[in-house]
Amino acid sequence: MKRNSFLKRTKWFFIPEIFKKAKPEQSKKKEVPKQRIGNVQSEQKSYESLFIRTAPTTARSGKTVYIRKEFHDRIVRIVHTIGNNELSLFSYIDNVLEHHFNTYQNDITELYRKRRPDDIF
């Protein structure tokens, strides 16, 4: 039996919806609202003083963690450009996490205590 004749015969069969090619969905990225309050220059200096500084500990005393490639690439660009190639990836990530924990400490503690009686901070 030739291939063409098989294809001609199958055009009459019913193809269930689950086998039809799905349309690619739109990118479902979460949109984080960007809020700018106050003077842009002071915010930039604040950002630099918070995150573009050497971490108080060394990477040797830390742990290995995997992150998305897109985040790694973005962080490398930030560190090399804003940090003038003088800041390590470790320092930047450590500073971002330190700020995150300081900012959300109460929320994290409250959620943590709902599941465990001991303190996280």
Foldseek 3Di string as FASTA:
>chain_A
DDPVVVVVVVVPDDDDPVPDDDDDDDDPDDDDDDDDDDDPVVVVVVCCVQALDAAPDDCVPDDDDDDDPVVVVVLVCCCCVVNVVPYDSVRRVVSVVVVVCVVCVVVVQVVVCVPPVDGPD
